[in-house]
Amino acid sequence: QKEDFEERDSKIKAILFGLCHFHSLMLERKKFGALGYNMKYPFSNGDLRDSASVLYNYLEGSSSAKIPWEDLRYIFGEIMYGGHIVDNWDRKTCTMYLQYFMQDDMLDEQEMVPYADGKLSWKTPGPSVHEKYLEHIETMPSESPLFFGMHPNAEIGFRTAQCQRIFELLHLLQPKDGGTGDEGEGGVNPLARAEELCTEILDEVRDVKFATEDTARALSDDDKGPYQFVFLQECDAMNGLAYEMVRGLGELQLGFKGELTMSEQMEQLADALFNETLPKWWVMLGFPSTRPLRSWLINLRERCDQLDNWIADPLNIPKVVDISKLFNPQSFLTAIKQLCCQQTKAELDKLQVFTEVTKRDVKQVDQTAREGAFVTGMYLEGARWDVNSNSLEDSKPKEMFTRMPVVNCKAGPQLERDDKNVYICPTYCVPTRTPYFVFPAQLRSKQPPAKWVLAGVALILDIGYSV
């Protein structure tokens, strides 16, 4: 209430203004999807009301002239708003906002657009009366991702995702032919289209079979290291997926010919083929992916090619391993740590994977890494990697993802504290991020790591299309 606000101390007024701004950012950030939060949270006006009440009681009952910023950040970030947050990376985002806003500068003229580097500016009005605050709010520039600490490209991603959802709904609302065998007014009959794609995919995957048992028998116990076990598991996973694809498509082919009664599962498979989406069982047995069916099949071939290269020489791993082409990339990173354990006699749970970004492309690597392994298949979202300065930089306009050079992943003892010049970057399998977290990578940065936390910067293994 206005009367209640006017009675408060000038410091409380200034902090309350910052708290309201923080609340609006936490509420609106979710519109950016996975770039904003890994999960959706039910933040509401009740969180702001209760936080303001705690602020009043905490400061008015205190005789100290110094504002307990650390206490306020903990109450707001870990209890009031943090009580909703279950993802650690989202909690880190909330913490960084509070560290930026809940400080002494808020009592004077605090810049409310974090890490904008002069691209956009809007400062606090300083302690004043209720009307002055309302007048100052009217001077706020038009909404921009910069207010959230994000790159303007985030708006492109947000609008693109909206358009994709709309077109997906329109596609689902389109009438389908009743399956009489004739072409409908819209063109090809759905069953004919599904049958054609069924035959095409079946011809492609029918011969996918990796001789894992023969390969395992051919390797001696001394030859079977952590890397060999990882690739054997990958081959087994691919065999399981290929078997289910051949079985399901074979049954569907018989159903199209009238030799088998169409079951509910076969009809679902046919619908998925017509809509060019992934069938449920393929998703369950397959790898995380956001690709449509045809792009997914191309990606499947590329994964098979990498496994073919390994199984031809099972004693050695590829010079550069494309971890985006693995069913379980975490297992390969664990193998790096296991190998380190064998060599150094260290404990596995006290090791972590460190990343060193090289300046080389895959074709420029002529031998395996001396320590750890060379990996590729990583893309930066929310920022770009500058090869010349070997550090993170702001994205270029309209550039949503940037491919990383070859990265040397190696194991070492866990660090007790984070380097101020290193951004701990979460790595995910797909752009939707959670629940497909892989590992935290270390990327050099000239800017404060908090800038990249607020920008939602992450490494993505499979971005859903080829760059």
Foldseek 3Di string as FASTA:
>chain_A
DQVVLQPDDLVLNLLLLLLVLLLVLLVPQCLLFVLRPLDDFPRDVVLSVVLSVCSCVVVVVDPDPDDPLVVSLCCSLCPSRVVRDDDPLNSVLSSLSSVQRSDPCSQPWHWQQPPPVPPDTQIDPHRDHPVVNVVSVVVHDPDACSSLLFDRCSVVSSVVVVVVVVVVVVVVPDDADPPPCDADPVGRHLLVQLLVVLVVVLVVLVPLADPLVVLVVVDDPVLDALVLVQLSVQRVLLRVLSVVSNVLSVVLNCVVVVNDPQDPLNVQSSVLSSVQADRPVSCVSHADAPAGNVQVVVLSVVLSVLSVVCSVPVSDHPQEAQLLSGRASLSLLLSLLVVVCVVVVDDSVQKDKEKDAALAAPVVRDGFDPAAGKYFQKKKARWEADSVVQATHGDDPPCGIDGTHIMGIHMDGDDPDDDQQWAFAWEAAEPSRPPGTRGTYIGGHPDGNSSCSSNSMHMYRCHHHDD
